[in-house]
Amino acid sequence: MAGGAELDDDDIVAGINVTPLVDVCLVLVIIFMVTAPLMSDPVIKVTLPKAHAEKGEEADKLTLTLGKDGQVALDYTIYKDMVMLEDDLKVKLAQSQSKVVILRADEDALHGRLTDLMAKAKDAGAQSLTIATEQKK
C-alpha cells in the first residue's frame, strides 16, 4: 500500500468515557448528604426534658409532638383541630404493626395537654406509649 495510511487495530478507541458519569454521581451523593438531615427535622421544635435512658429503636412508630405553645403534630403534619388529629391517629395506628406512639413534648409544655394526648393515643389504639427525652450529660 503505497501512499495510504494503514489502520491498525490498536488505534481504534472502543471505550466509554466514565469520568462525566462519576462526576454526576458524586454531585448527587453530595446533594443527598446535605438534604438528608433536613428531612429528619421535626415539624415543631421542642426542648426535650433530660433523663437517664437508653436509646430505643422502633421500626414502625408514630410520633406525636407537643410544642410549648400547645401546637400538636402527628409525624410531620401540624393539627389545629383535635378531631382531625384523632381521626388520622386512628387510621395510622390501624396501619401500624407495632402500634407504638412516641410522645415528644417540650419541657415547658403543659402536663395536662400531654396527658390528654396520651389518652387520645390510647383511645385510638396505641398499645405502647414512649416519652422522648434527651440524654443527661
Protein backbone atom coordinates (compact mmCIF):
# COMPACT_ATOMS: atom_id res chain seq x y z
CA MET A 1 0.00 0.00 0.00
CA ALA A 2 1.94 2.81 -1.22
CA GLY A 3 0.91 6.31 -0.22
CA GLY A 4 -2.02 5.25 2.01
CA ALA A 5 -2.17 5.20 5.79
CA GLU A 6 -2.58 1.80 7.33
CA LEU A 7 -5.19 1.31 10.07
CA ASP A 8 -4.02 -0.69 12.99
CA ASP A 9 -6.38 -2.45 15.43
CA ASP A 10 -4.52 -0.72 18.27
CA ASP A 11 -5.59 2.71 17.02
CA ILE A 12 -9.36 2.12 17.40
CA VAL A 13 -10.79 3.52 20.64
CA ALA A 14 -13.69 1.37 21.72
CA GLY A 15 -14.29 2.55 25.30
CA ILE A 16 -16.79 4.76 27.07
CA ASN A 17 -15.57 7.78 28.99
CA VAL A 18 -16.96 7.28 32.53
CA THR A 19 -15.49 10.46 34.04
CA PRO A 20 -18.66 12.57 33.46
CA LEU A 21 -20.79 9.76 34.94
CA VAL A 22 -18.62 9.62 38.06
CA ASP A 23 -18.77 13.42 38.38
CA VAL A 24 -22.57 13.42 38.21
CA CYS A 25 -22.81 10.58 40.76
CA LEU A 26 -20.52 12.41 43.20
CA VAL A 27 -22.60 15.57 42.88
CA LEU A 28 -25.77 13.56 43.61
CA VAL A 29 -24.17 11.96 46.66
CA ILE A 30 -23.21 15.40 47.99
CA ILE A 31 -26.74 16.70 47.42
CA PHE A 32 -28.24 13.73 49.30
CA MET A 33 -25.76 14.15 52.16
CA VAL A 34 -26.74 17.80 52.56
CA THR A 35 -30.52 17.29 52.29
CA ALA A 36 -30.87 14.10 54.37
CA PRO A 37 -30.50 15.81 57.79
CA LEU A 38 -33.10 18.40 56.76
CA MET A 39 -35.66 15.68 56.08
CA SER A 40 -35.38 14.23 59.57
CA ASP A 41 -36.00 17.50 61.43
CA PRO A 42 -39.31 17.52 63.34
CA VAL A 43 -42.06 19.93 62.35
CA ILE A 44 -42.32 21.53 65.79
CA LYS A 45 -39.08 22.36 67.56
CA VAL A 46 -39.19 21.15 71.16
CA THR A 47 -36.70 21.10 74.01
CA LEU A 48 -36.94 17.60 75.44
CA PRO A 49 -36.58 17.04 79.18
CA LYS A 50 -33.33 15.46 80.39
CA ALA A 51 -33.34 11.89 81.73
CA HIS A 52 -31.11 8.85 82.12
CA ALA A 53 -32.41 6.47 79.49
CA GLU A 54 -31.16 4.20 76.77
CA LYS A 55 -31.93 4.86 73.17
CA GLY A 56 -34.69 2.70 71.78
CA GLU A 57 -35.17 1.61 68.22
CA GLU A 58 -38.70 1.40 66.92
CA ALA A 59 -39.10 0.48 63.29
CA ASP A 60 -42.82 1.17 62.88
CA LYS A 61 -43.64 4.13 65.11
CA LEU A 62 -45.81 7.23 65.14
CA THR A 63 -44.57 10.47 66.67
CA LEU A 64 -46.90 12.86 68.49
CA THR A 65 -45.21 16.21 69.14
CA LEU A 66 -46.43 18.82 71.64
CA GLY A 67 -44.87 22.28 71.49
CA LYS A 68 -44.61 24.60 74.47
CA ASP A 69 -47.21 26.88 72.89
CA GLY A 70 -49.69 23.98 72.60
CA GLN A 71 -49.12 23.11 68.93
CA VAL A 72 -49.67 19.43 68.17
CA ALA A 73 -48.22 17.42 65.29
CA LEU A 74 -48.55 13.81 64.18
CA ASP A 75 -45.35 12.79 62.42
CA TYR A 76 -44.78 15.73 60.00
CA THR A 77 -48.29 17.23 59.99
CA ILE A 78 -49.40 20.03 62.34
CA TYR A 79 -53.02 19.84 63.52
CA LYS A 80 -55.14 22.72 64.72
CA ASP A 81 -58.28 20.58 65.03
CA MET A 82 -58.08 17.78 67.63
CA VAL A 83 -60.88 15.78 65.92
CA MET A 84 -58.82 15.60 62.71
CA LEU A 85 -55.79 14.53 64.76
CA GLU A 86 -57.78 11.73 66.43
CA ASP A 87 -59.12 10.51 63.08
CA ASP A 88 -55.69 10.46 61.43
CA LEU A 89 -54.16 8.83 64.52
CA LYS A 90 -56.74 6.02 64.37
CA VAL A 91 -56.06 5.44 60.67
CA LYS A 92 -52.26 5.41 61.08
CA LEU A 93 -52.40 3.15 64.15
CA ALA A 94 -54.65 0.72 62.25
CA GLN A 95 -51.97 0.53 59.53
CA SER A 96 -49.13 0.18 62.05
CA GLN A 97 -47.93 -3.26 63.10
CA SER A 98 -46.18 -2.27 66.35
CA LYS A 99 -48.79 0.34 67.41
CA VAL A 100 -46.04 2.33 69.20
CA VAL A 101 -46.55 6.07 69.76
CA ILE A 102 -43.60 8.27 70.73
CA LEU A 103 -44.58 11.42 72.61
CA ARG A 104 -42.22 14.36 72.09
CA ALA A 105 -43.27 17.15 74.44
CA ASP A 106 -41.40 20.35 75.14
CA GLU A 107 -40.19 20.51 78.73
CA ASP A 108 -42.21 23.72 79.18
CA ALA A 109 -45.43 22.25 77.74
CA LEU A 110 -48.44 21.89 79.99
CA HIS A 111 -48.69 18.45 81.57
CA GLY A 112 -52.45 18.47 81.16
CA ARG A 113 -52.07 18.67 77.39
CA LEU A 114 -49.55 15.82 77.45
CA THR A 115 -51.84 13.54 79.46
CA ASP A 116 -54.69 14.48 77.11
CA LEU A 117 -52.56 13.41 74.12
CA MET A 118 -51.66 10.17 75.91
CA ALA A 119 -55.35 9.41 76.46
CA LYS A 120 -56.18 10.19 72.83
CA ALA A 121 -53.39 7.88 71.62
CA LYS A 122 -54.60 5.05 73.87
CA ASP A 123 -58.21 5.56 72.71
CA ALA A 124 -57.03 5.49 69.07
CA GLY A 125 -55.49 2.05 69.60
CA ALA A 126 -51.90 2.61 70.73
CA GLN A 127 -50.54 -0.40 72.59
CA SER A 128 -47.36 1.29 73.78
CA LEU A 129 -46.55 4.90 74.63
CA THR A 130 -42.99 6.19 74.95
CA ILE A 131 -41.95 9.66 76.10
CA ALA A 132 -38.90 11.02 74.27
CA THR A 133 -36.17 12.60 76.40
CA GLU A 134 -32.65 13.96 75.91
CA GLN A 135 -29.67 12.14 77.44
CA LYS A 136 -28.40 13.80 80.61
CA LYS A 137 -24.74 14.68 80.39
